[in-house]
Protein backbone atom coordinates (compact mmCIF):
# COMPACT_ATOMS: atom_id res chain seq x y z
CA MET A 1 -12.35 12.86 0.50
CA GLY A 2 -10.69 14.68 3.26
CA ALA A 3 -8.84 11.37 4.83
CA PHE A 4 -6.28 13.27 6.95
CA LYS A 5 -8.16 16.45 8.11
CA ARG A 6 -5.55 17.48 11.01
CA ASN A 7 -1.96 18.35 10.00
CA LYS A 8 0.04 17.86 13.16
CA ALA A 9 2.14 15.12 11.59
CA PRO A 10 2.95 15.01 7.61
CA SER A 11 0.59 13.49 5.44
CA GLU A 12 3.24 10.86 4.16
CA LYS A 13 4.03 9.74 7.44
CA LYS A 14 0.13 8.93 8.18
CA LEU A 15 -0.19 7.30 4.83
CA VAL A 16 2.72 5.05 5.92
CA ALA A 17 1.12 4.55 9.24
CA ALA A 18 -2.07 3.56 7.66
CA ALA A 19 -0.26 1.01 5.35
CA LEU A 20 1.62 -0.51 7.88
CA CYS A 21 -1.45 -1.15 10.07
CA ASN A 22 -3.42 -2.51 7.12
CA ALA A 23 -0.32 -5.06 6.59
CA GLY A 24 -0.95 -6.22 10.08
CA TYR A 25 1.66 -4.22 12.43
CA SER A 26 -0.05 -2.84 15.80
CA TYR A 27 -0.79 0.74 16.37
CA ARG A 28 2.31 0.90 19.11
CA GLU A 29 4.78 -1.16 16.68
CA VAL A 30 3.73 1.47 13.65
CA ALA A 31 4.36 4.41 16.44
CA SER A 32 7.72 2.98 17.36
CA MET A 33 8.77 2.52 13.75
CA LEU A 34 7.88 5.95 12.43
CA GLY A 35 8.95 8.01 15.65
CA GLY A 36 6.98 11.19 16.34
CA LEU A 37 3.71 9.48 15.80
CA SER A 38 1.57 8.26 19.07
CA TYR A 39 -0.24 5.00 18.44
CA ILE A 40 -3.39 7.11 18.79
CA GLY A 41 -2.25 8.87 15.70
CA ALA A 42 -1.65 5.71 13.93
CA ARG A 43 -4.92 4.31 14.65
CA ASP A 44 -6.66 7.64 13.49
CA ALA A 45 -4.72 7.21 10.18
CA TYR A 46 -5.54 3.67 9.98
CA VAL A 47 -9.31 4.42 10.44
CA ALA A 48 -9.14 7.57 8.04
CA MET A 49 -7.75 5.34 5.27
CA LEU A 50 -10.47 2.64 5.78
CA THR A 51 -13.26 4.85 5.70
CA SER A 52 -11.62 6.61 2.37
CA LEU A 53 -10.88 3.56 0.35
CA PRO A 54 -13.73 1.61 -1.24
CA GLU A 55 -15.06 -1.63 0.24
CA GLU A 56 -13.24 -4.49 -0.68
CA ARG A 57 -14.98 -6.90 -3.22
CA LYS A 58 -14.37 -10.33 -4.32
CA ARG A 59 -14.62 -10.83 -7.79
CA ASP A 60 -13.27 -11.99 -11.35
CA ARG A 61 -10.50 -9.96 -12.34
CA ARG A 62 -8.70 -10.20 -15.65
CA GLU A 63 -5.29 -8.13 -14.70
CA VAL A 64 -3.99 -6.87 -11.60
CA ALA A 65 -0.99 -4.29 -11.44
CA LEU A 66 1.27 -3.97 -8.72
CA ASP A 67 3.26 -1.09 -7.89
CA GLY A 68 5.92 -0.34 -5.04
CA GLU A 69 8.17 2.64 -3.89
CA ASP A 70 10.67 3.31 -1.14
CA VAL A 71 9.97 6.01 1.31
CA GLU A 72 12.36 7.48 3.81
CA ILE A 73 10.88 8.62 7.32
CA ASN A 74 12.98 9.93 9.87
CA GLY A 75 16.09 8.43 8.49
CA ARG A 76 14.23 4.86 8.04
CA THR A 77 13.41 3.15 4.84
CA PHE A 78 9.77 1.90 4.30
CA HIS A 79 8.56 -0.19 1.22
CA LEU A 80 4.88 0.86 -0.05
CA TRP A 81 3.19 -1.30 -2.28
CA LEU A 82 -0.59 -1.27 -4.00
CA ALA A 83 -2.59 -3.34 -5.90
CA ARG A 84 -5.24 -2.29 -8.21
CA ASP A 85 -7.72 -3.71 -10.96
CA VAL A 86 -6.36 -2.76 -14.32
CA GLU A 87 -9.75 -2.78 -16.06
CA THR A 88 -11.73 -0.77 -13.39
CA GLY A 89 -8.58 1.27 -11.59
CA GLU A 90 -10.00 0.19 -8.61
CA ILE A 91 -7.59 0.22 -5.70
CA MET A 92 -7.52 -3.46 -4.25
CA THR A 93 -5.02 -3.05 -1.30
CA PHE A 94 -2.37 -0.99 -0.16
CA HIS A 95 0.18 -2.19 2.26
CA ALA A 96 3.75 -1.15 3.71
CA SER A 97 6.67 -2.97 5.60
CA PRO A 98 9.62 -1.78 7.37
CA GLY A 99 12.02 -3.69 4.79
CA PRO A 100 11.77 -5.57 1.41
CA THR A 101 11.33 -9.20 2.60
CA ALA A 102 9.55 -12.18 0.76
CA GLU A 103 7.46 -12.86 4.12
CA ASP A 104 5.64 -9.25 3.70
CA GLY A 105 5.34 -9.91 -0.16
CA ALA A 106 3.64 -13.19 0.51
CA ARG A 107 1.18 -11.43 2.84
CA PHE A 108 0.43 -8.63 0.29
CA LEU A 109 -0.04 -11.40 -2.56
CA ALA A 110 -2.41 -13.36 -0.20
CA ALA A 111 -4.35 -9.96 0.78
CA VAL A 112 -4.73 -9.41 -3.23
CA GLY A 113 -5.67 -13.30 -4.10
CA ALA A 114 -8.44 -12.74 -1.05
CA GLN A 115 -10.32 -10.25 -3.74
CA CYS A 116 -9.92 -12.57 -6.80
CA THR A 117 -12.34 -15.39 -7.28
CA ASN A 118 -9.82 -16.37 -10.46
CA LYS A 119 -6.25 -16.16 -11.05
CA PRO A 120 -5.53 -12.87 -13.03
CA VAL A 121 -2.58 -11.59 -14.82
CA VAL A 122 -0.18 -9.83 -12.51
CA ARG A 123 1.34 -6.80 -13.84
CA LEU A 124 4.54 -5.70 -11.94
CA GLY A 125 6.12 -2.26 -12.05
CA THR A 126 9.60 -1.98 -13.37
CA GLY A 127 12.83 -0.12 -12.31
CA GLY A 128 13.41 1.23 -8.75
CA LYS A 129 9.58 1.16 -8.40
CA ALA A 130 9.39 -2.72 -8.87
CA PRO A 131 7.94 -4.32 -5.43
CA LYS A 132 11.25 -5.98 -4.21
CA GLU A 133 9.09 -8.38 -2.08
CA MET A 134 7.47 -9.67 -5.14
CA VAL A 135 10.66 -10.41 -7.13
CA ASN A 136 12.38 -12.40 -3.92
CA LEU A 137 9.17 -14.79 -4.36
CA ASP A 138 10.74 -15.97 -7.62
CA LEU A 139 7.14 -15.74 -9.40
CA TYR A 140 6.34 -14.97 -13.11
CA PHE A 141 5.06 -11.66 -13.75
CA GLN A 142 4.53 -9.52 -16.68
CA ARG A 143 6.12 -6.34 -16.02
CA SER A 144 4.96 -2.65 -16.91
CA ALA A 145 5.24 0.89 -15.59
CA PRO A 146 2.38 2.16 -13.70
CA PRO A 147 2.47 5.46 -12.43
CA SER A 148 4.03 6.22 -8.91
CA ILE A 149 2.18 4.68 -5.65
CA ILE A 150 2.39 7.85 -3.75
CA GLU A 151 0.94 10.00 -6.52
CA ARG A 152 -1.83 7.47 -7.02
CA ILE A 153 -2.67 7.45 -3.30
CA SER A 154 -2.33 11.20 -2.85
CA LYS A 155 -4.80 11.86 -5.63
CA LEU A 156 -7.04 9.20 -4.02
CA LEU A 157 -6.98 10.69 -0.72
CA PHE A 158 -6.55 14.42 -1.43
CA PRO A 159 -8.44 14.90 -4.69
CA GLY A 160 -7.95 18.52 -6.37
CA VAL A 161 -4.37 19.04 -4.54
């Protein structure tokens, strides 16, 4: 889809910037968190991601898979997580946070719930890829091992690479 056409900043940094903006952080906050990226660069990454992802749809869903991963940029660790509809494979939402906090996890779950008209089964990744924010909320989940979030988003944004 060619979401990130210019390569002045690494694609991984742009991906994290877009996810942080999607999670509710301002462009200036994102630029200062990541370093080496202007607030305009953060905005451009966010707009590119929004135009590349499918439009959000509220509907019945049987299962939702959550996946998370820690990414280090400029010596700072950011936590990324993704929700997708297991039946259709559709990416529902993609967020990031500067740390694994229960508040960020609750905000992410609210974004997932906003796209569901029912209460689907939620599958959570296992091992080091488990979204820590979800575990901290002390909720019941079925645990499974979906593919890496970075691989999934990279395939979506950069097909054929």
